[in-house]
N, C-alpha and C. Protein backbone atom coordinates (compact mmCIF):
# COMPACT_ATOMS: atom_id res chain seq x y z
N MET A 1 -31.49 -28.86 -8.72
CA MET A 1 -30.22 -28.30 -9.15
C MET A 1 -29.91 -28.86 -10.53
N SER A 2 -29.50 -28.01 -11.42
CA SER A 2 -29.14 -28.46 -12.75
C SER A 2 -27.75 -29.08 -12.71
N GLY A 3 -27.51 -29.95 -13.62
CA GLY A 3 -26.23 -30.63 -13.64
C GLY A 3 -25.55 -30.52 -14.98
N LEU A 4 -24.54 -31.30 -15.18
CA LEU A 4 -23.82 -31.32 -16.44
C LEU A 4 -24.67 -32.02 -17.49
N PHE A 5 -24.67 -31.52 -18.69
CA PHE A 5 -25.43 -32.08 -19.80
C PHE A 5 -26.91 -32.20 -19.45
N ASP A 6 -27.46 -31.17 -18.82
CA ASP A 6 -28.84 -31.17 -18.34
C ASP A 6 -29.81 -31.41 -19.50
N GLY A 7 -30.69 -32.39 -19.33
CA GLY A 7 -31.71 -32.70 -20.32
C GLY A 7 -31.25 -33.65 -21.40
N THR A 8 -30.08 -34.23 -21.28
CA THR A 8 -29.58 -35.19 -22.26
C THR A 8 -29.40 -36.54 -21.59
N PRO A 9 -29.18 -37.60 -22.36
CA PRO A 9 -28.93 -38.91 -21.74
C PRO A 9 -27.65 -38.96 -20.91
N LEU A 10 -26.76 -37.99 -21.10
CA LEU A 10 -25.49 -37.96 -20.35
C LEU A 10 -25.60 -37.14 -19.08
N GLU A 11 -26.80 -36.76 -18.68
CA GLU A 11 -26.99 -35.89 -17.53
C GLU A 11 -26.47 -36.53 -16.24
N ARG A 12 -25.76 -35.75 -15.46
CA ARG A 12 -25.32 -36.18 -14.14
C ARG A 12 -25.21 -34.94 -13.27
N SER A 13 -25.34 -35.13 -11.98
CA SER A 13 -25.33 -33.98 -11.08
C SER A 13 -23.91 -33.47 -10.87
N VAL A 14 -23.81 -32.21 -10.46
CA VAL A 14 -22.52 -31.60 -10.18
C VAL A 14 -22.00 -32.16 -8.86
N THR A 15 -20.75 -32.57 -8.83
CA THR A 15 -20.19 -33.21 -7.64
C THR A 15 -19.10 -32.35 -7.02
N CYS A 16 -18.86 -32.60 -5.76
CA CYS A 16 -17.79 -31.94 -5.02
C CYS A 16 -16.45 -32.51 -5.50
N HIS A 17 -15.45 -31.66 -5.68
CA HIS A 17 -14.16 -32.14 -6.16
C HIS A 17 -13.33 -32.81 -5.07
N VAL A 18 -13.76 -32.72 -3.82
CA VAL A 18 -13.03 -33.35 -2.72
C VAL A 18 -13.59 -34.74 -2.40
N CYS A 19 -14.90 -34.80 -2.13
CA CYS A 19 -15.50 -36.08 -1.72
C CYS A 19 -16.25 -36.78 -2.86
N GLU A 20 -16.41 -36.12 -3.99
CA GLU A 20 -17.07 -36.65 -5.18
C GLU A 20 -18.52 -37.04 -4.94
N MET A 21 -19.17 -36.43 -3.96
CA MET A 21 -20.59 -36.61 -3.72
C MET A 21 -21.34 -35.48 -4.44
N PRO A 22 -22.63 -35.69 -4.77
CA PRO A 22 -23.40 -34.56 -5.32
C PRO A 22 -23.39 -33.40 -4.34
N LEU A 23 -23.40 -32.17 -4.86
CA LEU A 23 -23.25 -30.99 -4.01
C LEU A 23 -24.33 -30.88 -2.94
N ASP A 24 -25.55 -31.36 -3.22
CA ASP A 24 -26.59 -31.28 -2.20
C ASP A 24 -26.39 -32.30 -1.08
N GLN A 25 -25.51 -33.29 -1.27
CA GLN A 25 -25.22 -34.29 -0.24
C GLN A 25 -23.83 -34.13 0.35
N CYS A 26 -23.06 -33.19 -0.16
CA CYS A 26 -21.68 -32.98 0.28
C CYS A 26 -21.65 -32.40 1.70
N ALA A 27 -20.77 -32.92 2.53
CA ALA A 27 -20.63 -32.43 3.91
C ALA A 27 -19.26 -31.79 4.14
N CYS A 28 -18.55 -31.45 3.07
CA CYS A 28 -17.24 -30.82 3.20
C CYS A 28 -17.41 -29.41 3.77
N PRO A 29 -16.49 -28.99 4.66
CA PRO A 29 -16.59 -27.64 5.22
C PRO A 29 -16.30 -26.59 4.15
N ARG A 30 -17.18 -25.61 4.05
CA ARG A 30 -17.03 -24.56 3.05
C ARG A 30 -16.93 -23.21 3.73
N GLY A 31 -16.10 -22.36 3.17
CA GLY A 31 -15.89 -21.02 3.71
C GLY A 31 -16.98 -20.07 3.27
N VAL A 32 -16.76 -18.80 3.51
CA VAL A 32 -17.73 -17.76 3.17
C VAL A 32 -17.95 -17.70 1.67
N THR A 33 -16.91 -17.95 0.88
CA THR A 33 -17.02 -17.86 -0.57
C THR A 33 -17.67 -19.09 -1.19
N GLY A 34 -17.87 -20.15 -0.41
CA GLY A 34 -18.46 -21.37 -0.93
C GLY A 34 -17.44 -22.41 -1.35
N GLU A 35 -16.18 -22.05 -1.33
CA GLU A 35 -15.12 -23.00 -1.67
C GLU A 35 -14.86 -23.93 -0.49
N VAL A 36 -14.44 -25.15 -0.80
CA VAL A 36 -14.10 -26.11 0.26
C VAL A 36 -12.88 -25.60 1.00
N LEU A 37 -13.00 -25.53 2.32
CA LEU A 37 -11.92 -25.02 3.16
C LEU A 37 -11.67 -26.04 4.28
N LEU A 38 -10.73 -26.93 4.04
CA LEU A 38 -10.41 -27.98 5.00
C LEU A 38 -9.59 -27.42 6.15
N PRO A 39 -9.58 -28.11 7.30
CA PRO A 39 -8.78 -27.62 8.43
C PRO A 39 -7.30 -27.46 8.11
N LYS A 40 -6.75 -28.32 7.26
CA LYS A 40 -5.32 -28.21 6.93
C LYS A 40 -4.99 -26.95 6.15
N ASP A 41 -6.01 -26.29 5.58
CA ASP A 41 -5.80 -25.07 4.81
C ASP A 41 -5.99 -23.80 5.63
N GLN A 42 -6.30 -23.93 6.91
CA GLN A 42 -6.53 -22.78 7.79
C GLN A 42 -5.41 -22.73 8.83
N LEU A 43 -4.61 -21.70 8.79
CA LEU A 43 -3.50 -21.57 9.75
C LEU A 43 -4.00 -20.90 11.01
N ALA A 44 -4.03 -21.64 12.09
CA ALA A 44 -4.49 -21.12 13.38
C ALA A 44 -3.31 -20.46 14.10
N ARG A 45 -3.54 -19.27 14.61
CA ARG A 45 -2.54 -18.55 15.39
C ARG A 45 -2.99 -18.52 16.84
N VAL A 46 -2.12 -18.97 17.73
CA VAL A 46 -2.42 -19.01 19.16
C VAL A 46 -1.52 -17.99 19.84
N SER A 47 -2.14 -17.03 20.51
CA SER A 47 -1.36 -15.99 21.18
C SER A 47 -1.89 -15.76 22.59
N ARG A 48 -1.13 -14.97 23.33
CA ARG A 48 -1.49 -14.63 24.71
C ARG A 48 -1.63 -13.13 24.79
N GLU A 49 -2.61 -12.70 25.57
CA GLU A 49 -2.85 -11.27 25.71
C GLU A 49 -3.12 -10.96 27.18
N LYS A 50 -2.53 -9.87 27.64
CA LYS A 50 -2.79 -9.41 29.01
C LYS A 50 -3.97 -8.46 28.98
N ARG A 51 -4.91 -8.68 29.86
CA ARG A 51 -6.09 -7.82 29.95
C ARG A 51 -6.02 -7.00 31.22
N ARG A 52 -7.12 -6.34 31.55
CA ARG A 52 -7.12 -5.49 32.75
C ARG A 52 -6.91 -6.33 34.00
N LYS A 53 -6.36 -5.67 34.98
CA LYS A 53 -6.04 -6.28 36.28
C LYS A 53 -5.08 -7.45 36.15
N GLY A 54 -4.29 -7.49 35.08
CA GLY A 54 -3.27 -8.51 34.92
C GLY A 54 -3.77 -9.88 34.50
N LYS A 55 -5.01 -9.98 34.06
CA LYS A 55 -5.57 -11.26 33.63
C LYS A 55 -5.01 -11.65 32.27
N THR A 56 -4.70 -12.92 32.10
CA THR A 56 -4.15 -13.43 30.85
C THR A 56 -5.24 -14.17 30.09
N VAL A 57 -5.27 -13.98 28.76
CA VAL A 57 -6.25 -14.62 27.90
C VAL A 57 -5.52 -15.25 26.73
N THR A 58 -5.87 -16.48 26.38
CA THR A 58 -5.33 -17.14 25.20
C THR A 58 -6.26 -16.86 24.03
N ILE A 59 -5.71 -16.34 22.95
CA ILE A 59 -6.49 -15.93 21.78
C ILE A 59 -6.14 -16.86 20.61
N ILE A 60 -7.17 -17.39 19.94
CA ILE A 60 -6.97 -18.23 18.76
C ILE A 60 -7.62 -17.53 17.58
N THR A 61 -6.82 -17.21 16.57
CA THR A 61 -7.31 -16.54 15.37
C THR A 61 -6.95 -17.37 14.14
N GLY A 62 -7.49 -16.97 13.00
CA GLY A 62 -7.14 -17.62 11.75
C GLY A 62 -8.09 -18.71 11.32
N LEU A 63 -9.10 -19.03 12.12
CA LEU A 63 -10.06 -20.06 11.75
C LEU A 63 -11.26 -19.42 11.06
N ASP A 64 -11.71 -20.02 9.97
CA ASP A 64 -12.87 -19.50 9.27
C ASP A 64 -14.12 -19.84 10.08
N PRO A 65 -14.91 -18.84 10.47
CA PRO A 65 -16.08 -19.12 11.32
C PRO A 65 -17.18 -19.90 10.61
N VAL A 66 -17.21 -19.90 9.29
CA VAL A 66 -18.23 -20.64 8.56
C VAL A 66 -17.80 -22.09 8.34
N ALA A 67 -16.54 -22.29 7.96
CA ALA A 67 -16.05 -23.63 7.64
C ALA A 67 -15.67 -24.42 8.88
N SER A 68 -15.40 -23.76 9.99
CA SER A 68 -14.99 -24.43 11.22
C SER A 68 -16.14 -24.43 12.21
N ASN A 69 -16.22 -25.48 13.00
CA ASN A 69 -17.22 -25.55 14.06
C ASN A 69 -16.59 -24.95 15.32
N LEU A 70 -16.62 -23.62 15.40
CA LEU A 70 -15.97 -22.93 16.51
C LEU A 70 -16.59 -23.29 17.85
N ASP A 71 -17.90 -23.56 17.87
CA ASP A 71 -18.56 -23.92 19.13
C ASP A 71 -18.01 -25.23 19.69
N ALA A 72 -17.80 -26.22 18.83
CA ALA A 72 -17.26 -27.51 19.29
C ALA A 72 -15.81 -27.37 19.74
N ILE A 73 -15.03 -26.58 19.00
CA ILE A 73 -13.63 -26.36 19.38
C ILE A 73 -13.57 -25.64 20.72
N LEU A 74 -14.42 -24.63 20.89
CA LEU A 74 -14.45 -23.89 22.16
C LEU A 74 -14.85 -24.81 23.32
N ALA A 75 -15.84 -25.64 23.13
CA ALA A 75 -16.28 -26.55 24.20
C ALA A 75 -15.16 -27.51 24.59
N ASN A 76 -14.44 -28.03 23.60
CA ASN A 76 -13.33 -28.94 23.89
C ASN A 76 -12.21 -28.21 24.61
N LEU A 77 -11.90 -27.00 24.18
CA LEU A 77 -10.84 -26.22 24.84
C LEU A 77 -11.22 -25.88 26.28
N LYS A 78 -12.46 -25.47 26.49
CA LYS A 78 -12.90 -25.10 27.84
C LYS A 78 -12.85 -26.29 28.78
N SER A 79 -13.27 -27.46 28.31
CA SER A 79 -13.27 -28.62 29.20
C SER A 79 -11.86 -29.15 29.46
N SER A 80 -11.00 -29.14 28.46
CA SER A 80 -9.66 -29.67 28.67
C SER A 80 -8.76 -28.69 29.42
N CYS A 81 -9.02 -27.40 29.31
CA CYS A 81 -8.22 -26.40 30.03
C CYS A 81 -8.83 -26.06 31.38
N ALA A 82 -10.04 -26.51 31.64
CA ALA A 82 -10.76 -26.20 32.88
C ALA A 82 -10.81 -24.68 33.09
N ALA A 83 -11.22 -23.99 32.03
CA ALA A 83 -11.28 -22.53 32.07
C ALA A 83 -12.49 -22.06 31.27
N GLY A 84 -12.86 -20.83 31.49
CA GLY A 84 -13.95 -20.23 30.74
C GLY A 84 -13.45 -19.72 29.41
N GLY A 85 -14.38 -19.39 28.55
CA GLY A 85 -14.00 -18.85 27.26
C GLY A 85 -15.21 -18.43 26.46
N LYS A 86 -14.95 -17.79 25.32
CA LYS A 86 -16.04 -17.34 24.47
C LYS A 86 -15.52 -17.15 23.05
N ILE A 87 -16.48 -16.98 22.14
CA ILE A 87 -16.17 -16.65 20.75
C ILE A 87 -16.48 -15.18 20.58
N ASN A 88 -15.49 -14.42 20.12
CA ASN A 88 -15.65 -12.98 19.99
C ASN A 88 -15.19 -12.56 18.59
N ASP A 89 -16.11 -12.22 17.72
CA ASP A 89 -15.81 -11.77 16.35
C ASP A 89 -14.97 -12.77 15.58
N GLY A 90 -15.30 -14.05 15.65
CA GLY A 90 -14.59 -15.07 14.90
C GLY A 90 -13.30 -15.55 15.54
N THR A 91 -12.95 -15.03 16.72
CA THR A 91 -11.78 -15.51 17.43
C THR A 91 -12.23 -16.23 18.70
N ILE A 92 -11.44 -17.19 19.12
CA ILE A 92 -11.73 -17.94 20.35
C ILE A 92 -10.87 -17.37 21.46
N GLU A 93 -11.48 -17.09 22.59
CA GLU A 93 -10.76 -16.57 23.75
C GLU A 93 -10.95 -17.53 24.92
N ILE A 94 -9.84 -17.95 25.52
CA ILE A 94 -9.85 -18.84 26.68
C ILE A 94 -9.17 -18.11 27.83
N GLN A 95 -9.78 -18.15 29.00
CA GLN A 95 -9.22 -17.48 30.16
C GLN A 95 -7.97 -18.21 30.64
N GLY A 96 -6.89 -17.48 30.82
CA GLY A 96 -5.63 -18.06 31.29
C GLY A 96 -4.67 -18.28 30.15
N ASP A 97 -3.46 -18.70 30.50
CA ASP A 97 -2.42 -18.98 29.51
C ASP A 97 -2.43 -20.48 29.21
N HIS A 98 -3.08 -20.88 28.13
CA HIS A 98 -3.20 -22.28 27.74
C HIS A 98 -2.74 -22.47 26.30
N ARG A 99 -1.68 -21.78 25.92
CA ARG A 99 -1.24 -21.82 24.52
C ARG A 99 -0.80 -23.20 24.08
N GLU A 100 -0.01 -23.89 24.89
CA GLU A 100 0.50 -25.20 24.49
C GLU A 100 -0.63 -26.21 24.35
N ARG A 101 -1.53 -26.23 25.31
CA ARG A 101 -2.65 -27.17 25.26
C ARG A 101 -3.58 -26.84 24.10
N ALA A 102 -3.82 -25.57 23.84
CA ALA A 102 -4.67 -25.16 22.71
C ALA A 102 -4.05 -25.59 21.39
N MET A 103 -2.72 -25.46 21.27
CA MET A 103 -2.07 -25.89 20.04
C MET A 103 -2.21 -27.39 19.83
N LEU A 104 -2.07 -28.18 20.89
CA LEU A 104 -2.23 -29.63 20.76
C LEU A 104 -3.65 -30.00 20.34
N ILE A 105 -4.64 -29.35 20.92
CA ILE A 105 -6.03 -29.65 20.58
C ILE A 105 -6.33 -29.26 19.14
N LEU A 106 -5.84 -28.10 18.72
CA LEU A 106 -6.06 -27.67 17.33
C LEU A 106 -5.38 -28.62 16.35
N ARG A 107 -4.21 -29.08 16.69
CA ARG A 107 -3.52 -30.04 15.81
C ARG A 107 -4.27 -31.37 15.76
N ASP A 108 -4.91 -31.77 16.86
CA ASP A 108 -5.73 -32.98 16.86
C ASP A 108 -6.91 -32.83 15.90
N TYR A 109 -7.46 -31.62 15.79
CA TYR A 109 -8.54 -31.36 14.85
C TYR A 109 -8.06 -31.27 13.41
N GLY A 110 -6.76 -31.17 13.21
CA GLY A 110 -6.19 -31.11 11.86
C GLY A 110 -5.77 -29.72 11.42
N TYR A 111 -5.81 -28.74 12.31
CA TYR A 111 -5.40 -27.38 11.98
C TYR A 111 -3.91 -27.22 12.21
N PRO A 112 -3.16 -26.64 11.26
CA PRO A 112 -1.76 -26.35 11.52
C PRO A 112 -1.69 -25.11 12.43
N ALA A 113 -1.35 -25.30 13.68
CA ALA A 113 -1.35 -24.22 14.68
C ALA A 113 0.06 -23.73 14.93
N LYS A 114 0.18 -22.42 15.04
CA LYS A 114 1.47 -21.79 15.35
C LYS A 114 1.28 -20.82 16.49
N MET A 115 2.30 -20.69 17.30
CA MET A 115 2.27 -19.72 18.38
C MET A 115 2.72 -18.38 17.82
N SER A 116 2.02 -17.32 18.22
CA SER A 116 2.39 -15.99 17.76
C SER A 116 2.42 -15.05 18.96
N GLY A 117 3.16 -13.99 18.85
CA GLY A 117 3.25 -13.04 19.94
C GLY A 117 4.14 -13.52 21.05
N GLY A 118 4.04 -12.88 22.20
CA GLY A 118 4.92 -13.22 23.32
C GLY A 118 4.22 -13.83 24.38
């Protein structure tokens, strides 16, 4: 990777503006565009939806699927809510009404979570 002042005595690698590590060593979460997208910058919306036969599902939207580890969040939600769930088109779905618990878990991860809908 080329850096600043490439080929001169002042040469140095390009660094991340958040962690100040070289970009090839940076572990900051990045979105689809390549920009650093921290959890505090992603507004998670937690809602409830009625499905067929009166089943209730908790839906979590607003998380970037590239910058967020949706699999880890889903695993934590499923184990703490003792319910099934899946990732569907970048949204997390948990069986049952677990909005309050989901909001607490998302806030523990650093996401500003808000309840939406009824």
